[in-house]
Amino acid sequence: MSSNEEDAFKVAKSLDADYVLVIFGGYSHYSGDDINKFLWMVRIAGGVYPHIKESNYFGNGKYRIDNQATKTMLNCLMYKLSYYRFDEVKTSH
């Protein structure tokens, strides 16, 4: 989930995964979603894949998922799955 799409696909394929479930709070502001827990995924993945470094996901010393997010964060599979077509969501608010 912390790799770019191409690398993440290779990992998923090696694990024989057909599906990925991502819990995303979005407009509901659910704070227990996967993007909020994502740094733990990065930390765990870094123990197996040394090229994954927690510091690459911090913008200005903080964990960012907004317009100040790092290039690594913006290109990782978790971010892309969480925010895929999010700008197309319509609400009544």
Protein backbone atom coordinates (compact mmCIF):
# COMPACT_ATOMS: atom_id res chain seq x y z
CA MET A 1 0.00 0.00 0.00
CA SER A 2 2.96 2.30 0.50
CA SER A 3 4.55 1.54 -2.87
CA ASN A 4 3.67 3.14 -6.18
CA GLU A 5 1.00 1.38 -8.24
CA GLU A 6 3.39 -0.67 -10.35
CA ASP A 7 5.39 -1.99 -7.39
CA ALA A 8 2.25 -2.51 -5.28
CA PHE A 9 0.72 -4.57 -8.08
CA LYS A 10 3.78 -6.83 -8.11
CA VAL A 11 3.54 -7.34 -4.34
CA ALA A 12 -0.21 -8.04 -4.52
CA LYS A 13 0.34 -10.49 -7.36
CA SER A 14 3.08 -12.29 -5.39
CA LEU A 15 0.60 -12.62 -2.50
CA ASP A 16 -2.07 -13.93 -4.90
CA ALA A 17 -4.43 -11.09 -3.93
CA ASP A 18 -7.44 -10.49 -6.15
CA TYR A 19 -8.97 -7.63 -4.16
CA VAL A 20 -7.94 -4.82 -1.84
CA LEU A 21 -10.33 -3.31 0.70
CA VAL A 22 -9.63 0.27 1.74
CA ILE A 23 -11.69 1.97 4.45
CA PHE A 24 -11.80 5.69 3.68
CA GLY A 25 -13.57 8.31 5.79
CA GLY A 26 -13.79 11.02 3.16
CA TYR A 27 -16.72 13.33 3.72
CA SER A 28 -17.89 11.39 6.78
CA HIS A 29 -14.61 12.33 8.54
CA TYR A 30 -14.27 8.81 9.93
CA SER A 31 -10.98 9.08 11.81
CA GLY A 32 -10.43 5.32 12.01
CA ASP A 33 -9.98 4.92 8.27
CA ASP A 34 -6.93 3.41 6.60
CA ILE A 35 -5.33 6.67 5.49
CA ASN A 36 -5.16 7.76 9.15
CA LYS A 37 -3.51 4.47 10.13
CA PHE A 38 -1.28 4.47 7.09
CA LEU A 39 1.98 5.38 8.83
CA TRP A 40 1.82 2.06 10.65
CA MET A 41 1.58 0.30 7.28
CA VAL A 42 4.63 2.28 6.14
CA ARG A 43 6.56 1.34 9.29
CA ILE A 44 5.70 -2.34 8.91
CA ALA A 45 6.48 -2.35 5.18
CA GLY A 46 9.81 -0.63 5.85
CA GLY A 47 10.83 -3.62 7.94
CA VAL A 48 10.35 -5.91 4.94
CA TYR A 49 11.14 -3.54 2.07
CA PRO A 50 14.09 -1.31 3.08
CA HIS A 51 13.46 1.18 0.26
CA ILE A 52 10.22 2.24 2.01
CA LYS A 53 11.20 4.98 4.44
CA GLU A 54 8.80 6.72 6.80
CA SER A 55 10.48 10.08 6.27
CA ASN A 56 9.47 10.00 2.59
CA TYR A 57 5.83 10.36 3.66
CA PHE A 58 6.36 13.48 5.78
CA GLY A 59 5.99 16.96 4.29
CA ASN A 60 7.59 19.73 6.32
CA GLY A 61 8.18 17.28 9.17
CA LYS A 62 4.52 16.20 9.41
CA TYR A 63 2.35 13.44 8.03
CA ARG A 64 0.44 15.20 5.26
CA ILE A 65 -2.37 14.08 2.98
CA ASP A 66 -3.26 17.53 1.68
CA ASN A 67 -1.68 19.81 -0.93
CA GLN A 68 1.61 19.70 1.03
CA ALA A 69 1.89 15.90 0.88
CA THR A 70 5.14 14.53 -0.49
CA LYS A 71 5.48 13.11 -3.98
CA THR A 72 5.97 9.66 -2.42
CA MET A 73 2.68 9.98 -0.54
CA LEU A 74 0.77 11.28 -3.55
CA ASN A 75 2.00 8.37 -5.68
CA CYS A 76 1.50 5.51 -3.21
CA LEU A 77 -1.31 3.03 -3.72
CA MET A 78 -3.09 3.84 -0.44
CA TYR A 79 -3.41 7.52 -1.32
CA LYS A 80 -4.53 6.80 -4.86
CA LEU A 81 -7.13 4.26 -3.77
CA SER A 82 -8.43 6.54 -1.02
CA TYR A 83 -8.80 9.62 -3.20
CA TYR A 84 -9.65 7.99 -6.53
CA ARG A 85 -12.34 10.17 -8.15
CA PHE A 86 -13.02 11.79 -4.77
CA ASP A 87 -13.43 15.17 -6.46
CA GLU A 88 -16.45 13.77 -8.32
CA VAL A 89 -18.38 13.01 -5.12
CA LYS A 90 -21.47 15.16 -4.69
CA THR A 91 -23.06 15.91 -1.35
CA SER A 92 -26.21 17.75 -0.37
CA HIS A 93 -24.32 20.00 2.09
